[in-house]
Amino acid sequence: LKRPETSSEKSGIDLKQLNHMVQDSLRDPQLDEDENEEVDESEYLSELMSLTKDSNNEIDKKTKEPEKSNASNLNKEIVELLENRLKLYKQGLNEAVEVNDTSRTRRSSKVLIARL
């Protein structure tokens, strides 16, 4: 009887080579010489702070103006929405009165009184 071939035998990769490749892939990479040297991070930190300070100032200037216009636009939209709903309630009340639906008239009038 012939023994079945393993996957490594089918692919033609030697088991020792495969183990060596796995071990290589699991090793930590060698650090560059620059990474081993001690670095004075205060210079980098001060540069970063100056860059972020400048960019934060620019962002603040850009966002403050639209906030004002966004708030006024939002207020206008809310007022329009409320006026539209009030109009619809009044239409509903008028229709209820026309068809002589007393319960619907009563509910609609309560809603209108509560809204005003």
PDB file of N, CA and C in Angstrom:
ATOM      1  N   LEU A   1       0.823  -1.176   0.000  1.00  0.00           N
ATOM      2  CA  LEU A   1       0.000   0.000   0.000  1.00  0.00           C
ATOM      3  C   LEU A   1       0.869   1.243   0.000  1.00  0.00           C
ATOM      4  N   LYS A   2       0.329   2.211  -0.683  1.00  0.00           N
ATOM      5  CA  LYS A   2       1.047   3.479  -0.768  1.00  0.00           C
ATOM      6  C   LYS A   2       0.404   4.480   0.180  1.00  0.00           C
ATOM      7  N   ARG A   3       1.191   5.141   0.946  1.00  0.00           N
ATOM      8  CA  ARG A   3       0.666   6.111   1.899  1.00  0.00           C
ATOM      9  C   ARG A   3       0.269   7.378   1.151  1.00  0.00           C
ATOM     10  N   PRO A   4      -0.839   8.046   1.577  1.00  0.00           N
ATOM     11  CA  PRO A   4      -1.276   9.267   0.886  1.00  0.00           C
ATOM     12  C   PRO A   4      -0.287  10.411   1.113  1.00  0.00           C
ATOM     13  N   GLU A   5      -0.177  11.261   0.087  1.00  0.00           N
ATOM     14  CA  GLU A   5       0.756  12.381   0.175  1.00  0.00           C
ATOM     15  C   GLU A   5       0.177  13.485   1.063  1.00  0.00           C
ATOM     16  N   THR A   6       1.058  14.097   1.823  1.00  0.00           N
ATOM     17  CA  THR A   6       0.622  15.219   2.651  1.00  0.00           C
ATOM     18  C   THR A   6       0.602  16.481   1.797  1.00  0.00           C
ATOM     19  N   SER A   7       0.022  17.535   2.340  1.00  0.00           N
ATOM     20  CA  SER A   7      -0.106  18.765   1.564  1.00  0.00           C
ATOM     21  C   SER A   7       1.260  19.351   1.240  1.00  0.00           C
ATOM     22  N   SER A   8       2.239  19.201   2.153  1.00  0.00           N
ATOM     23  CA  SER A   8       3.570  19.741   1.879  1.00  0.00           C
ATOM     24  C   SER A   8       4.259  18.939   0.778  1.00  0.00           C
ATOM     25  N   GLU A   9       3.978  17.656   0.712  1.00  0.00           N
ATOM     26  CA  GLU A   9       4.566  16.835  -0.350  1.00  0.00           C
ATOM     27  C   GLU A   9       3.922  17.163  -1.683  1.00  0.00           C
ATOM     28  N   LYS A  10       2.642  17.477  -1.698  1.00  0.00           N
ATOM     29  CA  LYS A  10       1.951  17.825  -2.936  1.00  0.00           C
ATOM     30  C   LYS A  10       2.469  19.139  -3.508  1.00  0.00           C
ATOM     31  N   SER A  11       2.746  20.106  -2.617  1.00  0.00           N
ATOM     32  CA  SER A  11       3.171  21.416  -3.097  1.00  0.00           C
ATOM     33  C   SER A  11       4.659  21.457  -3.391  1.00  0.00           C
ATOM     34  N   GLY A  12       5.387  20.505  -2.964  1.00  0.00           N
ATOM     35  CA  GLY A  12       6.809  20.451  -3.239  1.00  0.00           C
ATOM     36  C   GLY A  12       7.642  21.244  -2.255  1.00  0.00           C
ATOM     37  N   ILE A  13       7.066  21.685  -1.134  1.00  0.00           N
ATOM     38  CA  ILE A  13       7.807  22.446  -0.139  1.00  0.00           C
ATOM     39  C   ILE A  13       8.290  21.470   0.929  1.00  0.00           C
ATOM     40  N   ASP A  14       9.561  21.555   1.219  1.00  0.00           N
ATOM     41  CA  ASP A  14      10.150  20.718   2.246  1.00  0.00           C
ATOM     42  C   ASP A  14       9.662  21.186   3.611  1.00  0.00           C
ATOM     43  N   LEU A  15       9.389  20.257   4.499  1.00  0.00           N
ATOM     44  CA  LEU A  15       8.874  20.579   5.820  1.00  0.00           C
ATOM     45  C   LEU A  15       9.855  21.458   6.595  1.00  0.00           C
ATOM     46  N   LYS A  16      11.140  21.258   6.441  1.00  0.00           N
ATOM     47  CA  LYS A  16      12.140  22.073   7.114  1.00  0.00           C
ATOM     48  C   LYS A  16      12.096  23.510   6.587  1.00  0.00           C
ATOM     49  N   GLN A  17      11.933  23.623   5.270  1.00  0.00           N
ATOM     50  CA  GLN A  17      11.849  24.967   4.679  1.00  0.00           C
ATOM     51  C   GLN A  17      10.595  25.693   5.187  1.00  0.00           C
ATOM     52  N   LEU A  18       9.507  24.963   5.274  1.00  0.00           N
ATOM     53  CA  LEU A  18       8.259  25.546   5.744  1.00  0.00           C
ATOM     54  C   LEU A  18       8.398  26.019   7.190  1.00  0.00           C
ATOM     55  N   ASN A  19       8.991  25.191   8.037  1.00  0.00           N
ATOM     56  CA  ASN A  19       9.211  25.580   9.435  1.00  0.00           C
ATOM     57  C   ASN A  19      10.107  26.815   9.524  1.00  0.00           C
ATOM     58  N   HIS A  20      11.132  26.862   8.686  1.00  0.00           N
ATOM     59  CA  HIS A  20      12.034  28.010   8.681  1.00  0.00           C
ATOM     60  C   HIS A  20      11.286  29.282   8.245  1.00  0.00           C
ATOM     61  N   MET A  21      10.435  29.184   7.243  1.00  0.00           N
ATOM     62  CA  MET A  21       9.664  30.335   6.774  1.00  0.00           C
ATOM     63  C   MET A  21       8.694  30.814   7.865  1.00  0.00           C
ATOM     64  N   VAL A  22       8.073  29.890   8.568  1.00  0.00           N
ATOM     65  CA  VAL A  22       7.154  30.252   9.646  1.00  0.00           C
ATOM     66  C   VAL A  22       7.906  30.962  10.757  1.00  0.00           C
ATOM     67  N   GLN A  23       9.062  30.434  11.134  1.00  0.00           N
ATOM     68  CA  GLN A  23       9.860  31.060  12.188  1.00  0.00           C
ATOM     69  C   GLN A  23      10.311  32.465  11.778  1.00  0.00           C
ATOM     70  N   ASP A  24      10.705  32.630  10.513  1.00  0.00           N
ATOM     71  CA  ASP A  24      11.096  33.956  10.024  1.00  0.00           C
ATOM     72  C   ASP A  24       9.936  34.944  10.095  1.00  0.00           C
ATOM     73  N   SER A  25       8.755  34.476   9.768  1.00  0.00           N
ATOM     74  CA  SER A  25       7.614  35.387   9.772  1.00  0.00           C
ATOM     75  C   SER A  25       7.190  35.759  11.192  1.00  0.00           C
ATOM     76  N   LEU A  26       7.493  34.914  12.178  1.00  0.00           N
ATOM     77  CA  LEU A  26       7.106  35.186  13.553  1.00  0.00           C
ATOM     78  C   LEU A  26       8.124  36.037  14.309  1.00  0.00           C
ATOM     79  N   ARG A  27       9.335  36.181  13.770  1.00  0.00           N
ATOM     80  CA  ARG A  27      10.357  36.979  14.437  1.00  0.00           C
ATOM     81  C   ARG A  27      10.015  38.456  14.357  1.00  0.00           C
ATOM     82  N   ASP A  28      10.434  39.203  15.385  1.00  0.00           N
ATOM     83  CA  ASP A  28      10.276  40.656  15.369  1.00  0.00           C
ATOM     84  C   ASP A  28      11.239  41.239  14.351  1.00  0.00           C
ATOM     85  N   PRO A  29      10.793  42.234  13.625  1.00  0.00           N
ATOM     86  CA  PRO A  29      11.695  42.853  12.647  1.00  0.00           C
ATOM     87  C   PRO A  29      12.817  43.594  13.354  1.00  0.00           C
ATOM     88  N   GLN A  30      13.951  43.683  12.688  1.00  0.00           N
ATOM     89  CA  GLN A  30      15.084  44.404  13.256  1.00  0.00           C
ATOM     90  C   GLN A  30      14.776  45.893  13.249  1.00  0.00           C
ATOM     91  N   LEU A  31      15.080  46.553  14.352  1.00  0.00           N
ATOM     92  CA  LEU A  31      14.848  47.979  14.458  1.00  0.00           C
ATOM     93  C   LEU A  31      15.930  48.739  13.700  1.00  0.00           C
ATOM     94  N   ASP A  32      15.534  49.842  13.090  1.00  0.00           N
ATOM     95  CA  ASP A  32      16.508  50.682  12.416  1.00  0.00           C
ATOM     96  C   ASP A  32      17.395  51.349  13.454  1.00  0.00           C
ATOM     97  N   GLU A  33      18.557  51.815  13.001  1.00  0.00           N
ATOM     98  CA  GLU A  33      19.463  52.483  13.924  1.00  0.00           C
ATOM     99  C   GLU A  33      18.837  53.754  14.474  1.00  0.00           C
ATOM    100  N   ASP A  34      18.058  54.450  13.663  1.00  0.00           N
ATOM    101  CA  ASP A  34      17.423  55.687  14.105  1.00  0.00           C
ATOM    102  C   ASP A  34      16.479  55.439  15.271  1.00  0.00           C
ATOM    103  N   GLU A  35      15.827  54.324  15.272  1.00  0.00           N
ATOM    104  CA  GLU A  35      14.875  54.019  16.332  1.00  0.00           C
ATOM    105  C   GLU A  35      15.590  53.657  17.633  1.00  0.00           C
ATOM    106  N   ASN A  36      16.805  53.180  17.537  1.00  0.00           N
ATOM    107  CA  ASN A  36      17.549  52.808  18.739  1.00  0.00           C
ATOM    108  C   ASN A  36      18.140  54.019  19.440  1.00  0.00           C
ATOM    109  N   GLU A  37      18.388  55.108  18.712  1.00  0.00           N
ATOM    110  CA  GLU A  37      18.966  56.294  19.304  1.00  0.00           C
ATOM    111  C   GLU A  37      17.921  57.004  20.160  1.00  0.00           C
ATOM    112  N   GLU A  38      18.421  57.603  21.241  1.00  0.00           N
ATOM    113  CA  GLU A  38      17.504  58.370  22.065  1.00  0.00           C
ATOM    114  C   GLU A  38      17.275  59.710  21.389  1.00  0.00           C
ATOM    115  N   VAL A  39      16.016  60.119  21.345  1.00  0.00           N
ATOM    116  CA  VAL A  39      15.639  61.334  20.639  1.00  0.00           C
ATOM    117  C   VAL A  39      15.082  62.326  21.637  1.00  0.00           C
ATOM    118  N   ASP A  40      15.456  63.587  21.455  1.00  0.00           N
ATOM    119  CA  ASP A  40      14.895  64.651  22.282  1.00  0.00           C
ATOM    120  C   ASP A  40      13.535  64.997  21.698  1.00  0.00           C
ATOM    121  N   GLU A  41      12.506  64.548  22.366  1.00  0.00           N
ATOM    122  CA  GLU A  41      11.158  64.714  21.836  1.00  0.00           C
ATOM    123  C   GLU A  41      10.578  66.086  22.101  1.00  0.00           C
ATOM    124  N   SER A  42      11.253  66.898  22.880  1.00  0.00           N
ATOM    125  CA  SER A  42      10.718  68.229  23.186  1.00  0.00           C
ATOM    126  C   SER A  42      10.610  69.082  21.927  1.00  0.00           C
ATOM    127  N   GLU A  43      11.585  68.954  21.024  1.00  0.00           N
ATOM    128  CA  GLU A  43      11.520  69.709  19.763  1.00  0.00           C
ATOM    129  C   GLU A  43      10.307  69.264  18.946  1.00  0.00           C
ATOM    130  N   TYR A  44      10.130  67.962  18.854  1.00  0.00           N
ATOM    131  CA  TYR A  44       8.983  67.437  18.099  1.00  0.00           C
ATOM    132  C   TYR A  44       7.666  67.868  18.735  1.00  0.00           C
ATOM    133  N   LEU A  45       7.635  67.834  20.052  1.00  0.00           N
ATOM    134  CA  LEU A  45       6.421  68.214  20.759  1.00  0.00           C
ATOM    135  C   LEU A  45       6.089  69.691  20.553  1.00  0.00           C
ATOM    136  N   SER A  46       7.098  70.557  20.635  1.00  0.00           N
ATOM    137  CA  SER A  46       6.840  71.988  20.431  1.00  0.00           C
ATOM    138  C   SER A  46       6.404  72.258  18.996  1.00  0.00           C
ATOM    139  N   GLU A  47       6.995  71.570  18.028  1.00  0.00           N
ATOM    140  CA  GLU A  47       6.579  71.743  16.636  1.00  0.00           C
ATOM    141  C   GLU A  47       5.146  71.262  16.436  1.00  0.00           C
ATOM    142  N   LEU A  48       4.819  70.143  17.037  1.00  0.00           N
ATOM    143  CA  LEU A  48       3.459  69.618  16.939  1.00  0.00           C
ATOM    144  C   LEU A  48       2.457  70.578  17.560  1.00  0.00           C
ATOM    145  N   MET A  49       2.796  71.116  18.712  1.00  0.00           N
ATOM    146  CA  MET A  49       1.901  72.061  19.384  1.00  0.00           C
ATOM    147  C   MET A  49       1.679  73.305  18.531  1.00  0.00           C
ATOM    148  N   SER A  50       2.735  73.807  17.912  1.00  0.00           N
ATOM    149  CA  SER A  50       2.575  75.010  17.081  1.00  0.00           C
ATOM    150  C   SER A  50       1.728  74.702  15.852  1.00  0.00           C
ATOM    151  N   LEU A  51       1.917  73.532  15.288  1.00  0.00           N
ATOM    152  CA  LEU A  51       1.120  73.161  14.110  1.00  0.00           C
ATOM    153  C   LEU A  51      -0.344  72.983  14.465  1.00  0.00           C
ATOM    154  N   THR A  52      -0.605  72.309  15.575  1.00  0.00           N
ATOM    155  CA  THR A  52      -2.003  72.084  15.946  1.00  0.00           C
ATOM    156  C   THR A  52      -2.662  73.366  16.411  1.00  0.00           C
ATOM    157  N   LYS A  53      -1.890  74.260  17.019  1.00  0.00           N
ATOM    158  CA  LYS A  53      -2.450  75.552  17.443  1.00  0.00           C
ATOM    159  C   LYS A  53      -2.885  76.350  16.230  1.00  0.00           C
ATOM    160  N   ASP A  54      -2.034  76.394  15.197  1.00  0.00           N
ATOM    161  CA  ASP A  54      -2.372  77.117  13.970  1.00  0.00           C
ATOM    162  C   ASP A  54      -3.579  76.505  13.287  1.00  0.00           C
ATOM    163  N   SER A  55      -3.600  75.185  13.192  1.00  0.00           N
ATOM    164  CA  SER A  55      -4.721  74.536  12.507  1.00  0.00           C
ATOM    165  C   SER A  55      -6.007  74.668  13.313  1.00  0.00           C
ATOM    166  N   ASN A  56      -5.916  74.638  14.650  1.00  0.00           N
ATOM    167  CA  ASN A  56      -7.111  74.829  15.486  1.00  0.00           C
ATOM    168  C   ASN A  56      -7.675  76.229  15.326  1.00  0.00           C
ATOM    169  N   ASN A  57      -6.810  77.229  15.221  1.00  0.00           N
ATOM    170  CA  ASN A  57      -7.282  78.599  15.015  1.00  0.00           C
ATOM    171  C   ASN A  57      -8.007  78.720  13.681  1.00  0.00           C
ATOM    172  N   GLU A  58      -7.460  78.103  12.642  1.00  0.00           N
ATOM    173  CA  GLU A  58      -8.107  78.147  11.331  1.00  0.00           C
ATOM    174  C   GLU A  58      -9.452  77.429  11.360  1.00  0.00           C
ATOM    175  N   ILE A  59      -9.486  76.303  12.026  1.00  0.00           N
ATOM    176  CA  ILE A  59     -10.731  75.529  12.115  1.00  0.00           C
ATOM    177  C   ILE A  59     -11.771  76.314  12.896  1.00  0.00           C
ATOM    178  N   ASP A  60     -11.351  76.945  14.004  1.00  0.00           N
ATOM    179  CA  ASP A  60     -12.293  77.739  14.805  1.00  0.00           C
ATOM    180  C   ASP A  60     -12.891  78.869  13.988  1.00  0.00           C
ATOM    181  N   LYS A  61     -12.062  79.551  13.222  1.00  0.00           N
ATOM    182  CA  LYS A  61     -12.549  80.661  12.401  1.00  0.00           C
ATOM    183  C   LYS A  61     -13.551  80.165  11.365  1.00  0.00           C
ATOM    184  N   LYS A  62     -13.267  79.022  10.770  1.00  0.00           N
ATOM    185  CA  LYS A  62     -14.145  78.491   9.724  1.00  0.00           C
ATOM    186  C   LYS A  62     -15.465  77.984  10.298  1.00  0.00           C
ATOM    187  N   THR A  63     -15.425  77.428  11.489  1.00  0.00           N
ATOM    188  CA  THR A  63     -16.644  76.829  12.043  1.00  0.00           C
ATOM    189  C   THR A  63     -17.529  77.828  12.760  1.00  0.00           C
ATOM    190  N   LYS A  64     -16.994  78.930  13.248  1.00  0.00           N
ATOM    191  CA  LYS A  64     -17.820  79.890  13.968  1.00  0.00           C
ATOM    192  C   LYS A  64     -18.822  80.573  13.050  1.00  0.00           C
ATOM    193  N   GLU A  65     -18.413  80.920  11.849  1.00  0.00           N
ATOM    194  CA  GLU A  65     -19.316  81.608  10.925  1.00  0.00           C
ATOM    195  C   GLU A  65     -20.477  80.722  10.488  1.00  0.00           C
ATOM    196  N   PRO A  66     -20.231  79.496  10.048  1.00  0.00           N
ATOM    197  CA  PRO A  66     -21.367  78.661   9.644  1.00  0.00           C
ATOM    198  C   PRO A  66     -22.301  78.317  10.793  1.00  0.00           C
ATOM    199  N   GLU A  67     -21.796  78.254  12.031  1.00  0.00           N
ATOM    200  CA  GLU A  67     -22.671  77.930  13.159  1.00  0.00           C
ATOM    201  C   GLU A  67     -23.768  78.965  13.302  1.00  0.00           C
ATOM    202  N   LYS A  68     -23.425  80.235  13.114  1.00  0.00           N
ATOM    203  CA  LYS A  68     -24.422  81.284  13.233  1.00  0.00           C
ATOM    204  C   LYS A  68     -25.474  81.144  12.150  1.00  0.00           C
ATOM    205  N   SER A  69     -25.021  80.928  10.916  1.00  0.00           N
ATOM    206  CA  SER A  69     -25.980  80.804   9.825  1.00  0.00           C
ATOM    207  C   SER A  69     -26.774  79.504   9.944  1.00  0.00           C
ATOM    208  N   ASN A  70     -26.141  78.438  10.415  1.00  0.00           N
ATOM    209  CA  ASN A  70     -26.853  77.175  10.604  1.00  0.00           C
ATOM    210  C   ASN A  70     -27.935  77.316  11.663  1.00  0.00           C
ATOM    211  N   ALA A  71     -27.630  78.034  12.728  1.00  0.00           N
ATOM    212  CA  ALA A  71     -28.610  78.214  13.804  1.00  0.00           C
ATOM    213  C   ALA A  71     -29.802  79.019  13.304  1.00  0.00           C
ATOM    214  N   SER A  72     -29.535  80.063  12.543  1.00  0.00           N
ATOM    215  CA  SER A  72     -30.651  80.870  12.043  1.00  0.00           C
ATOM    216  C   SER A  72     -31.464  80.089  11.013  1.00  0.00           C
ATOM    217  N   ASN A  73     -30.785  79.298  10.176  1.00  0.00           N
ATOM    218  CA  ASN A  73     -31.506  78.456   9.221  1.00  0.00           C
ATOM    219  C   ASN A  73     -32.357  77.421   9.935  1.00  0.00           C
ATOM    220  N   LEU A  74     -31.821  76.848  10.982  1.00  0.00           N
ATOM    221  CA  LEU A  74     -32.556  75.843  11.750  1.00  0.00           C
ATOM    222  C   LEU A  74     -33.781  76.460  12.399  1.00  0.00           C
ATOM    223  N   ASN A  75     -33.621  77.658  12.959  1.00  0.00           N
ATOM    224  CA  ASN A  75     -34.764  78.339  13.564  1.00  0.00           C
ATOM    225  C   ASN A  75     -35.843  78.628  12.525  1.00  0.00           C
ATOM    226  N   LYS A  76     -35.428  79.044  11.334  1.00  0.00           N
ATOM    227  CA  LYS A  76     -36.396  79.318  10.263  1.00  0.00           C
ATOM    228  C   LYS A  76     -37.134  78.042   9.869  1.00  0.00           C
ATOM    229  N   GLU A  77     -36.388  76.949   9.776  1.00  0.00           N
ATOM    230  CA  GLU A  77     -37.008  75.671   9.406  1.00  0.00           C
ATOM    231  C   GLU A  77     -38.011  75.219  10.463  1.00  0.00           C
ATOM    232  N   ILE A  78     -37.662  75.398  11.718  1.00  0.00           N
ATOM    233  CA  ILE A  78     -38.568  74.997  12.801  1.00  0.00           C
ATOM    234  C   ILE A  78     -39.842  75.833  12.764  1.00  0.00           C
ATOM    235  N   VAL A  79     -39.683  77.139  12.566  1.00  0.00           N
ATOM    236  CA  VAL A  79     -40.852  78.019  12.511  1.00  0.00           C
ATOM    237  C   VAL A  79     -41.738  77.635  11.328  1.00  0.00           C
ATOM    238  N   GLU A  80     -41.128  77.365  10.170  1.00  0.00           N
ATOM    239  CA  GLU A  80     -41.907  76.956   8.994  1.00  0.00           C
ATOM    240  C   GLU A  80     -42.647  75.651   9.252  1.00  0.00           C
ATOM    241  N   LEU A  81     -41.984  74.700   9.894  1.00  0.00           N
ATOM    242  CA  LEU A  81     -42.596  73.410  10.195  1.00  0.00           C
ATOM    243  C   LEU A  81     -43.796  73.594  11.129  1.00  0.00           C
ATOM    244  N   LEU A  82     -43.617  74.399  12.167  1.00  0.00           N
ATOM    245  CA  LEU A  82     -44.713  74.622  13.109  1.00  0.00           C
ATOM    246  C   LEU A  82     -45.882  75.351  12.457  1.00  0.00           C
ATOM    247  N   GLU A  83     -45.578  76.326  11.610  1.00  0.00           N
ATOM    248  CA  GLU A  83     -46.649  77.039  10.906  1.00  0.00           C
ATOM    249  C   GLU A  83     -47.406  76.089   9.984  1.00  0.00           C
ATOM    250  N   ASN A  84     -46.675  75.208   9.315  1.00  0.00           N
ATOM    251  CA  ASN A  84     -47.305  74.233   8.416  1.00  0.00           C
ATOM    252  C   ASN A  84     -48.207  73.286   9.199  1.00  0.00           C
ATOM    253  N   ARG A  85     -47.737  72.826  10.352  1.00  0.00           N
ATOM    254  CA  ARG A  85     -48.567  71.925  11.174  1.00  0.00           C
ATOM    255  C   ARG A  85     -49.818  72.629  11.692  1.00  0.00           C
ATOM    256  N   LEU A  86     -49.662  73.875  12.103  1.00  0.00           N
ATOM    257  CA  LEU A  86     -50.807  74.651  12.572  1.00  0.00           C
ATOM    258  C   LEU A  86     -51.840  74.797  11.456  1.00  0.00           C
ATOM    259  N   LYS A  87     -51.356  75.030  10.258  1.00  0.00           N
ATOM    260  CA  LYS A  87     -52.240  75.143   9.094  1.00  0.00           C
ATOM    261  C   LYS A  87     -53.000  73.834   8.864  1.00  0.00           C
ATOM    262  N   LEU A  88     -52.276  72.706   8.977  1.00  0.00           N
ATOM    263  CA  LEU A  88     -52.917  71.406   8.786  1.00  0.00           C
ATOM    264  C   LEU A  88     -53.971  71.127   9.861  1.00  0.00           C
ATOM    265  N   TYR A  89     -53.662  71.487  11.121  1.00  0.00           N
ATOM    266  CA  TYR A  89     -54.655  71.300  12.195  1.00  0.00           C
ATOM    267  C   TYR A  89     -55.906  72.127  11.921  1.00  0.00           C
ATOM    268  N   LYS A  90     -55.718  73.357  11.457  1.00  0.00           N
ATOM    269  CA  LYS A  90     -56.870  74.217  11.156  1.00  0.00           C
ATOM    270  C   LYS A  90     -57.703  73.634  10.016  1.00  0.00           C
ATOM    271  N   GLN A  91     -57.003  73.091   9.009  1.00  0.00           N
ATOM    272  CA  GLN A  91     -57.728  72.443   7.902  1.00  0.00           C
ATOM    273  C   GLN A  91     -58.517  71.249   8.417  1.00  0.00           C
ATOM    274  N   GLY A  92     -57.913  70.456   9.270  1.00  0.00           N
ATOM    275  CA  GLY A  92     -58.601  69.299   9.842  1.00  0.00           C
ATOM    276  C   GLY A  92     -59.810  69.710  10.657  1.00  0.00           C
ATOM    277  N   LEU A  93     -59.692  70.786  11.409  1.00  0.00           N
ATOM    278  CA  LEU A  93     -60.816  71.290  12.198  1.00  0.00           C
ATOM    279  C   LEU A  93     -61.949  71.755  11.280  1.00  0.00           C
ATOM    280  N   ASN A  94     -61.611  72.480  10.235  1.00  0.00           N
ATOM    281  CA  ASN A  94     -62.625  72.956   9.287  1.00  0.00           C
ATOM    282  C   ASN A  94     -63.340  71.791   8.605  1.00  0.00           C
ATOM    283  N   GLU A  95     -62.584  70.748   8.228  1.00  0.00           N
ATOM    284  CA  GLU A  95     -63.198  69.580   7.586  1.00  0.00           C
ATOM    285  C   GLU A  95     -64.120  68.853   8.567  1.00  0.00           C
ATOM    286  N   ALA A  96     -63.696  68.760   9.816  1.00  0.00           N
ATOM    287  CA  ALA A  96     -64.525  68.101  10.829  1.00  0.00           C
ATOM    288  C   ALA A  96     -65.819  68.869  11.063  1.00  0.00           C
ATOM    289  N   VAL A  97     -65.740  70.187  11.051  1.00  0.00           N
ATOM    290  CA  VAL A  97     -66.941  71.007  11.232  1.00  0.00           C
ATOM    291  C   VAL A  97     -67.869  70.827  10.034  1.00  0.00           C
ATOM    292  N   GLU A  98     -67.304  70.778   8.817  1.00  0.00           N
ATOM    293  CA  GLU A  98     -68.115  70.640   7.602  1.00  0.00           C
ATOM    294  C   GLU A  98     -68.894  69.334   7.576  1.00  0.00           C
ATOM    295  N   VAL A  99     -68.273  68.249   8.031  1.00  0.00           N
ATOM    296  CA  VAL A  99     -68.949  66.950   7.994  1.00  0.00           C
ATOM    297  C   VAL A  99     -69.706  66.668   9.287  1.00  0.00           C
ATOM    298  N   ASN A 100     -69.712  67.641  10.189  1.00  0.00           N
ATOM    299  CA  ASN A 100     -70.441  67.549  11.450  1.00  0.00           C
ATOM    300  C   ASN A 100     -69.960  66.376  12.317  1.00  0.00           C
ATOM    301  N   ASP A 101     -68.646  66.200  12.355  1.00  0.00           N
ATOM    302  CA  ASP A 101     -68.031  65.159  13.190  1.00  0.00           C
ATOM    303  C   ASP A 101     -67.648  65.805  14.517  1.00  0.00           C
ATOM    304  N   THR A 102     -68.490  65.651  15.514  1.00  0.00           N
ATOM    305  CA  THR A 102     -68.307  66.366  16.786  1.00  0.00           C
ATOM    306  C   THR A 102     -67.077  65.907  17.567  1.00  0.00           C
ATOM    307  N   SER A 103     -66.818  64.613  17.570  1.00  0.00           N
ATOM    308  CA  SER A 103     -65.664  64.134  18.341  1.00  0.00           C
ATOM    309  C   SER A 103     -64.360  64.611  17.697  1.00  0.00           C
ATOM    310  N   ARG A 104     -64.294  64.546  16.386  1.00  0.00           N
ATOM    311  CA  ARG A 104     -63.095  65.018  15.676  1.00  0.00           C
ATOM    312  C   ARG A 104     -62.953  66.537  15.834  1.00  0.00           C
ATOM    313  N   THR A 105     -64.049  67.258  15.812  1.00  0.00           N
ATOM    314  CA  THR A 105     -64.014  68.707  16.013  1.00  0.00           C
ATOM    315  C   THR A 105     -63.488  69.034  17.398  1.00  0.00           C
ATOM    316  N   ARG A 106     -63.962  68.322  18.380  1.00  0.00           N
ATOM    317  CA  ARG A 106     -63.535  68.539  19.757  1.00  0.00           C
ATOM    318  C   ARG A 106     -62.040  68.260  19.916  1.00  0.00           C
ATOM    319  N   ARG A 107     -61.570  67.125  19.352  1.00  0.00           N
ATOM    320  CA  ARG A 107     -60.142  66.785  19.440  1.00  0.00           C
ATOM    321  C   ARG A 107     -59.287  67.826  18.728  1.00  0.00           C
ATOM    322  N   SER A 108     -59.689  68.204  17.543  1.00  0.00           N
ATOM    323  CA  SER A 108     -58.910  69.190  16.779  1.00  0.00           C
ATOM    324  C   SER A 108     -58.866  70.533  17.480  1.00  0.00           C
ATOM    325  N   SER A 109     -59.973  70.953  18.045  1.00  0.00           N
ATOM    326  CA  SER A 109     -59.982  72.243  18.748  1.00  0.00           C
ATOM    327  C   SER A 109     -59.118  72.192  19.994  1.00  0.00           C
ATOM    328  N   LYS A 110     -59.093  71.034  20.685  1.00  0.00           N
ATOM    329  CA  LYS A 110     -58.230  70.893  21.866  1.00  0.00           C
ATOM    330  C   LYS A 110     -56.763  70.993  21.459  1.00  0.00           C
ATOM    331  N   VAL A 111     -56.430  70.363  20.344  1.00  0.00           N
ATOM    332  CA  VAL A 111     -55.046  70.411  19.865  1.00  0.00           C
ATOM    333  C   VAL A 111     -54.663  71.838  19.528  1.00  0.00           C
ATOM    334  N   LEU A 112     -55.548  72.555  18.840  1.00  0.00           N
ATOM    335  CA  LEU A 112     -55.246  73.936  18.469  1.00  0.00           C
ATOM    336  C   LEU A 112     -55.123  74.837  19.684  1.00  0.00           C
ATOM    337  N   ILE A 113     -55.997  74.664  20.650  1.00  0.00           N
ATOM    338  CA  ILE A 113     -55.937  75.489  21.861  1.00  0.00           C
ATOM    339  C   ILE A 113     -54.651  75.189  22.627  1.00  0.00           C
ATOM    340  N   ALA A 114     -54.269  73.932  22.699  1.00  0.00           N
ATOM    341  CA  ALA A 114     -53.057  73.550  23.415  1.00  0.00           C
ATOM    342  C   ALA A 114     -51.815  74.090  22.707  1.00  0.00           C
ATOM    343  N   ARG A 115     -51.855  74.169  21.374  1.00  0.00           N
ATOM    344  CA  ARG A 115     -50.710  74.645  20.598  1.00  0.00           C
ATOM    345  C   ARG A 115     -50.558  76.160  20.656  1.00  0.00           C
ATOM    346  N   LEU A 116     -51.629  76.866  20.900  1.00  0.00           N
ATOM    347  CA  LEU A 116     -51.561  78.335  20.920  1.00  0.00           C
ATOM    348  C   LEU A 116     -51.243  78.820  22.257  1.00  0.00           C
TER     349      LEU A 116
END
